[in-house]
Protein backbone atom coordinates (compact mmCIF):
# COMPACT_ATOMS: atom_id res chain seq x y z
CA UNK A 1 9.66 31.95 -9.78
CA UNK A 2 10.39 30.57 -6.34
CA UNK A 3 11.40 27.01 -5.55
CA UNK A 4 8.99 24.75 -3.57
CA UNK A 5 10.94 25.39 -0.39
CA UNK A 6 10.86 29.14 -1.00
CA UNK A 7 7.19 29.05 -1.95
CA UNK A 8 6.40 27.38 1.37
CA UNK A 9 8.24 30.02 3.39
CA UNK A 10 6.08 32.80 4.88
CA UNK A 11 6.96 36.28 3.68
CA UNK A 12 5.20 38.59 6.12
CA UNK A 13 3.90 38.89 9.69
CA UNK A 14 0.50 37.38 8.91
CA UNK A 15 2.16 34.50 7.08
CA UNK A 16 4.62 33.91 9.92
CA UNK A 17 1.60 33.57 12.20
CA UNK A 18 0.25 30.88 9.88
CA UNK A 19 -2.45 33.04 8.30
CA UNK A 20 -1.27 33.34 4.72
CA UNK A 21 -4.23 33.84 2.38
CA UNK A 22 -3.96 31.16 -0.32
CA UNK A 23 -4.27 32.01 -3.98
CA UNK A 24 -6.26 29.81 -6.35
CA UNK A 25 -5.23 26.19 -6.86
CA UNK A 26 -6.09 25.14 -10.43
CA UNK A 27 -6.31 21.40 -11.10
CA UNK A 28 -6.34 20.25 -14.73
CA UNK A 29 -7.46 16.78 -15.72
CA UNK A 30 -10.18 14.15 -15.54
CA UNK A 31 -13.74 14.33 -14.24
CA UNK A 32 -15.18 10.81 -14.61
CA UNK A 33 -17.71 8.44 -13.11
CA UNK A 34 -16.21 5.83 -10.78
CA UNK A 35 -17.90 2.43 -10.77
CA UNK A 36 -16.33 0.80 -7.73
CA UNK A 37 -16.63 -2.96 -7.16
CA UNK A 38 -15.69 -4.06 -3.64
CA UNK A 39 -15.02 -7.79 -3.70
CA UNK A 40 -16.30 -9.25 -0.44
CA UNK A 41 -14.55 -12.58 -0.96
CA UNK A 42 -11.40 -13.66 -2.82
CA UNK A 43 -11.88 -12.97 -6.53
CA UNK A 44 -12.46 -16.16 -8.52
CA UNK A 45 -11.63 -16.04 -12.20
CA UNK A 46 -14.25 -17.00 -14.81
CA UNK A 47 -17.13 -17.28 -12.34
CA UNK A 48 -19.12 -15.24 -9.80
CA UNK A 49 -17.50 -13.43 -6.87
CA UNK A 50 -19.59 -11.69 -4.23
CA UNK A 51 -19.26 -7.90 -4.25
CA UNK A 52 -20.74 -4.51 -3.39
CA UNK A 53 -20.98 -1.97 -6.22
CA UNK A 54 -20.84 1.82 -5.74
CA UNK A 55 -21.07 4.71 -8.20
CA UNK A 56 -19.53 8.09 -7.48
CA UNK A 57 -17.92 11.15 -8.99
CA UNK A 58 -14.28 10.37 -9.74
CA UNK A 59 -11.26 11.23 -11.83
CA UNK A 60 -7.83 11.87 -10.33
CA UNK A 61 -7.83 15.63 -10.95
CA UNK A 62 -11.41 16.00 -9.74
CA UNK A 63 -10.53 14.08 -6.57
CA UNK A 64 -7.64 16.44 -5.85
CA UNK A 65 -9.84 19.47 -6.47
CA UNK A 66 -12.67 18.20 -4.26
CA UNK A 67 -10.37 17.51 -1.33
CA UNK A 68 -8.39 20.71 -1.73
CA UNK A 69 -11.55 22.83 -1.87
CA UNK A 70 -12.16 22.07 1.80
CA UNK A 71 -8.88 23.87 2.57
CA UNK A 72 -8.15 26.45 -0.17
CA UNK A 73 -9.82 28.24 -3.11
CA UNK A 74 -9.80 25.61 -5.85
CA UNK A 75 -10.75 25.55 -9.53
CA UNK A 76 -11.07 22.51 -11.79
CA UNK A 77 -10.48 22.61 -15.54
CA UNK A 78 -11.53 19.65 -17.67
CA UNK A 79 -13.96 18.21 -20.21
CA UNK A 80 -17.07 16.07 -19.83
CA UNK A 81 -19.57 14.68 -22.28
CA UNK A 82 -22.52 16.69 -23.49
CA UNK A 83 -24.82 14.25 -21.73
CA UNK A 84 -26.67 13.63 -18.49
CA UNK A 85 -23.68 11.90 -16.95
CA UNK A 86 -21.49 14.93 -17.63
CA UNK A 87 -23.99 17.33 -16.10
CA UNK A 88 -24.32 15.12 -13.02
CA UNK A 89 -20.54 14.90 -12.63
CA UNK A 90 -20.16 18.66 -12.95
CA UNK A 91 -22.88 19.25 -10.37
CA UNK A 92 -21.38 16.74 -7.94
CA UNK A 93 -17.96 18.36 -8.13
CA UNK A 94 -19.37 21.87 -7.74
CA UNK A 95 -21.22 20.69 -4.62
CA UNK A 96 -17.85 20.11 -2.93
CA UNK A 97 -17.03 23.83 -3.24
CA UNK A 98 -14.89 23.64 -6.38
CA UNK A 99 -15.11 26.36 -9.03
CA UNK A 100 -15.81 24.02 -11.96
CA UNK A 101 -14.85 25.08 -15.50
CA UNK A 102 -15.61 22.36 -18.05
CA UNK A 103 -15.98 21.97 -21.78
CA UNK A 104 -18.90 19.78 -22.89
CA UNK A 105 -18.74 17.54 -25.95
CA UNK A 106 -19.04 13.88 -26.84
CA UNK A 107 -19.43 11.15 -24.22
CA UNK A 108 -18.52 11.31 -20.54
CA UNK A 109 -15.86 8.91 -19.31
CA UNK A 110 -15.91 6.32 -16.56
CA UNK A 111 -13.56 4.07 -14.64
CA UNK A 112 -14.40 0.59 -13.34
CA UNK A 113 -12.38 -0.20 -10.21
CA UNK A 114 -12.15 -3.73 -8.88
CA UNK A 115 -11.07 -3.57 -5.23
CA UNK A 116 -9.81 -6.75 -3.59
CA UNK A 117 -10.54 -7.47 0.09
CA UNK A 118 -7.06 -6.20 1.05
CA UNK A 119 -7.77 -2.80 -0.50
CA UNK A 120 -5.64 -3.15 -3.62
CA UNK A 121 -7.43 -2.20 -6.81
CA UNK A 122 -7.38 -2.83 -10.53
CA UNK A 123 -8.70 -0.05 -12.76
CA UNK A 124 -10.32 -0.09 -16.20
CA UNK A 125 -10.44 3.52 -17.44
CA UNK A 126 -12.46 4.83 -20.38
CA UNK A 127 -11.57 8.53 -20.34
CA UNK A 128 -13.67 9.41 -23.41
CA UNK A 129 -14.31 13.20 -23.52
CA UNK A 130 -11.93 13.86 -20.64
CA UNK A 131 -8.93 13.16 -22.89
CA UNK A 132 -10.12 15.65 -25.53
CA UNK A 133 -9.54 18.88 -23.57
CA UNK A 134 -8.33 21.64 -25.93
CA UNK A 135 -8.43 25.39 -26.55
CA UNK A 136 -9.16 26.33 -22.93
CA UNK A 137 -10.02 29.97 -22.33
CA UNK A 138 -6.90 31.53 -20.71
CA UNK A 139 -9.27 33.43 -18.43
CA UNK A 140 -9.90 30.15 -16.63
CA UNK A 141 -6.43 30.60 -15.12
CA UNK A 142 -7.21 34.00 -13.60
CA UNK A 143 -5.91 34.24 -10.02
CA UNK A 144 -3.86 31.03 -10.28
CA UNK A 145 -1.20 30.58 -7.61
CA UNK A 146 -0.59 26.84 -8.11
CA UNK A 147 -1.47 24.45 -10.94
CA UNK A 148 -1.61 20.69 -10.37
CA UNK A 149 -1.70 18.09 -13.15
CA UNK A 150 -1.98 14.30 -12.83
CA UNK A 151 0.08 12.50 -15.48
CA UNK A 152 -3.14 11.01 -16.90
CA UNK A 153 -3.37 14.33 -18.75
CA UNK A 154 -0.31 13.31 -20.79
CA UNK A 155 -1.81 10.08 -22.11
CA UNK A 156 -3.51 11.34 -25.27
CA UNK A 157 -3.59 14.27 -27.65
CA UNK A 158 -5.06 16.84 -27.82
CA UNK A 159 -5.04 16.97 -24.02
CA UNK A 160 -1.27 16.43 -23.75
CA UNK A 161 -0.57 19.56 -25.75
CA UNK A 162 -3.22 21.50 -23.90
CA UNK A 163 -1.73 20.57 -20.53
CA UNK A 164 1.63 21.88 -21.72
CA UNK A 165 0.03 25.12 -22.89
CA UNK A 166 -1.89 25.68 -19.66
CA UNK A 167 1.18 24.96 -17.52
CA UNK A 168 3.20 27.45 -19.58
CA UNK A 169 0.48 30.09 -19.22
CA UNK A 170 0.28 29.48 -15.47
CA UNK A 171 4.06 29.86 -15.16
CA UNK A 172 3.85 33.21 -16.95
CA UNK A 173 1.48 34.26 -14.17
CA UNK A 174 3.95 33.19 -11.49
CA UNK A 175 2.25 29.93 -10.51
CA UNK A 176 3.91 26.96 -8.87
CA UNK A 177 3.47 23.67 -10.77
CA UNK A 178 3.01 20.15 -9.40
CA UNK A 179 2.63 16.87 -11.28
CA UNK A 180 1.52 13.47 -10.00
CA UNK A 181 3.11 10.36 -11.55
CA UNK A 182 -0.37 8.81 -11.25
CA UNK A 183 0.06 5.16 -12.26
CA UNK A 184 2.75 2.60 -13.09
CA UNK A 185 0.41 1.15 -15.71
CA UNK A 186 0.08 4.56 -17.35
CA UNK A 187 3.86 5.16 -17.26
CA UNK A 188 4.57 1.75 -18.79
CA UNK A 189 1.93 2.26 -21.48
CA UNK A 190 3.41 5.64 -22.41
CA UNK A 191 6.96 4.28 -22.20
CA UNK A 192 8.91 5.18 -19.08
CA UNK A 193 11.59 7.24 -20.82
CA UNK A 194 9.04 9.13 -22.88
CA UNK A 195 6.80 9.76 -19.85
CA UNK A 196 9.80 10.93 -17.85
CA UNK A 197 10.68 13.35 -20.63
CA UNK A 198 7.16 14.71 -20.81
CA UNK A 199 7.00 15.21 -17.04
CA UNK A 200 10.40 16.89 -16.99
CA UNK A 201 9.27 19.08 -19.88
CA UNK A 202 6.59 20.57 -17.64
CA UNK A 203 9.39 21.63 -15.24
CA UNK A 204 7.36 20.82 -12.13
CA UNK A 205 8.31 22.42 -8.85
CA UNK A 206 6.92 19.31 -7.14
CA UNK A 207 6.56 15.74 -8.40
CA UNK A 208 4.42 13.33 -6.37
CA UNK A 209 5.00 9.59 -6.73
CA UNK A 210 4.35 6.48 -4.71
CA UNK A 211 7.16 4.01 -4.12
CA UNK A 212 6.56 1.87 -7.20
CA UNK A 213 6.09 4.89 -9.50
CA UNK A 214 9.24 6.51 -8.12
CA UNK A 215 11.23 3.31 -8.62
CA UNK A 216 9.98 2.96 -12.19
CA UNK A 217 10.93 6.57 -12.96
CA UNK A 218 14.30 6.22 -11.25
CA UNK A 219 13.65 8.92 -8.65
CA UNK A 220 13.01 6.73 -5.60
CA UNK A 221 16.32 7.65 -3.97
CA UNK A 222 16.71 11.19 -5.21
CA UNK A 223 19.95 11.82 -7.07
CA UNK A 224 20.59 13.27 -10.49
CA UNK A 225 17.49 11.91 -12.24
CA UNK A 226 15.20 13.29 -9.54
CA UNK A 227 16.90 16.68 -9.69
CA UNK A 228 16.54 16.79 -13.47
CA UNK A 229 12.83 15.99 -13.36
CA UNK A 230 11.56 18.26 -10.58
CA UNK A 231 12.92 20.67 -7.99
CA UNK A 232 11.19 18.69 -5.28
CA UNK A 233 10.23 15.00 -5.44
CA UNK A 234 7.84 13.66 -2.80
CA UNK A 235 7.91 9.86 -2.54
CA UNK A 236 5.14 8.11 -0.62
CA UNK A 237 5.85 4.69 0.90
CA UNK A 238 2.41 3.66 2.15
CA UNK A 239 2.53 3.34 5.95
CA UNK A 240 6.28 4.05 5.99
CA UNK A 241 7.68 7.60 6.18
CA UNK A 242 7.21 9.87 3.19
CA UNK A 243 10.49 11.14 1.74
CA UNK A 244 11.05 14.64 0.36
CA UNK A 245 13.98 15.24 -1.99
CA UNK A 246 15.02 18.79 -2.88
CA UNK A 247 17.34 19.15 -5.89
CA UNK A 248 18.03 15.41 -5.69
CA UNK A 249 19.02 15.40 -2.00
CA UNK A 250 16.96 13.93 0.81
CA UNK A 251 15.53 16.81 2.84
CA UNK A 252 13.15 15.15 5.29
CA UNK A 253 11.38 11.90 6.15
CA UNK A 254 7.88 12.38 7.54
CA UNK A 255 6.30 9.50 9.54
CA UNK A 256 2.79 8.36 8.67
CA UNK A 257 0.32 8.01 11.55
CA UNK A 258 -1.23 4.52 11.85
CA UNK A 259 -4.64 4.08 10.21
CA UNK A 260 -7.23 1.86 11.87
CA UNK A 261 -8.94 0.60 8.71
CA UNK A 262 -7.78 0.26 5.10
CA UNK A 263 -10.50 -0.87 2.70
CA UNK A 264 -9.95 0.99 -0.58
CA UNK A 265 -6.72 2.78 -1.56
CA UNK A 266 -8.43 4.50 -4.50
CA UNK A 267 -7.87 8.23 -4.34
CA UNK A 268 -5.44 8.16 -1.40
CA UNK A 269 -2.69 9.68 -3.53
CA UNK A 270 -5.08 12.35 -4.82
CA UNK A 271 -6.07 13.23 -1.26
CA UNK A 272 -2.41 13.41 -0.24
CA UNK A 273 -1.63 15.80 -3.10
CA UNK A 274 -4.61 17.98 -2.16
CA UNK A 275 -3.56 18.22 1.47
CA UNK A 276 0.07 18.86 0.59
CA UNK A 277 -0.65 21.62 -1.93
CA UNK A 278 -3.24 23.36 0.26
CA UNK A 279 -0.76 23.40 3.14
CA UNK A 280 2.00 24.73 0.87
CA UNK A 281 -0.29 27.51 -0.32
CA UNK A 282 -0.89 28.41 3.32
CA UNK A 283 2.86 28.66 3.96
CA UNK A 284 3.68 25.28 5.55
CA UNK A 285 7.13 23.72 5.33
CA UNK A 286 7.81 20.30 3.79
CA UNK A 287 6.97 18.41 6.98
CA UNK A 288 3.73 20.29 7.52
CA UNK A 289 2.72 19.76 3.89
CA UNK A 290 3.29 16.00 4.16
CA UNK A 291 1.41 15.74 7.44
CA UNK A 292 -1.55 17.56 5.89
CA UNK A 293 -1.41 15.13 2.98
CA UNK A 294 -1.30 12.14 5.32
CA UNK A 295 -4.38 13.37 7.19
CA UNK A 296 -6.46 13.71 4.03
CA UNK A 297 -5.27 10.39 2.62
CA UNK A 298 -6.22 8.63 5.86
CA UNK A 299 -9.73 10.06 5.57
CA UNK A 300 -10.51 8.30 2.28
CA UNK A 301 -9.09 4.79 2.52
CA UNK A 302 -12.01 3.36 4.48
CA UNK A 303 -14.52 4.48 1.82
CA UNK A 304 -15.29 3.30 -1.73
CA UNK A 305 -13.53 5.19 -4.51
CA UNK A 306 -11.79 8.56 -4.21
CA UNK A 307 -14.88 10.75 -3.80
CA UNK A 308 -14.54 13.29 -1.01
CA UNK A 309 -18.01 12.25 0.13
CA UNK A 310 -17.01 8.61 0.37
CA UNK A 311 -19.19 7.50 -2.50
């Protein structure tokens, strides 16, 4: 299988002209309801704080799929409850153009997000059925060219084992694999060394991490740890340039265009991953992939939650 750099290189005349036909991006993970609370004044403990409340389709993997579907053929694999909430979530995701493949059992999950006036957020996830994904039909991987997995999929069994199985099956079909570090809270809960081992065990071609996640994992500056975890590590630094490390060595720094308004950072990383992967599937180089990710991330941070429709 090719490396990320090789996978991004065009192989024929049509691809050199920028017209490579993407294969299917398969995203495995959570499809949840987001309950987003925008604090409209400084949050005061143990009493009332003024806020606006929004409900939308969410889940890190579903966010990636919804954004990517605007750019490339995209399929989502996950699990929702056998309830009205699950059916509504499935319908909302399908409406974005995603080929939705879900199991239905139990109770649908939700995440409460408290967003401070400066855009920083605190999340309270209840993944419920989403964490119980298992025994996926291998046919759901038909046509896969790239599989993307947020690290939330490693939090609980049986989903952890199922993610490993699906990644292995996708690799057998020649797919590229990307993983998102997802959350410092998640990594600390799992145990950093254990989480790092699980991520490395998936042998990702690309690992996405923001600055704090990369620092926690020890891959913020490339080097031996980065090279042992993923062939390419993409480290996002907010408004500062994104860094791309190949085999532990810094390859490129990509500036981030200024954004006029930042209200809610929820889903920005998911949008970045979607833009990056869709561009890679179309044959872009590392710089082009990052720029595509920056554009999609900028499109969501003025809206509540990570929904492609802005809630």
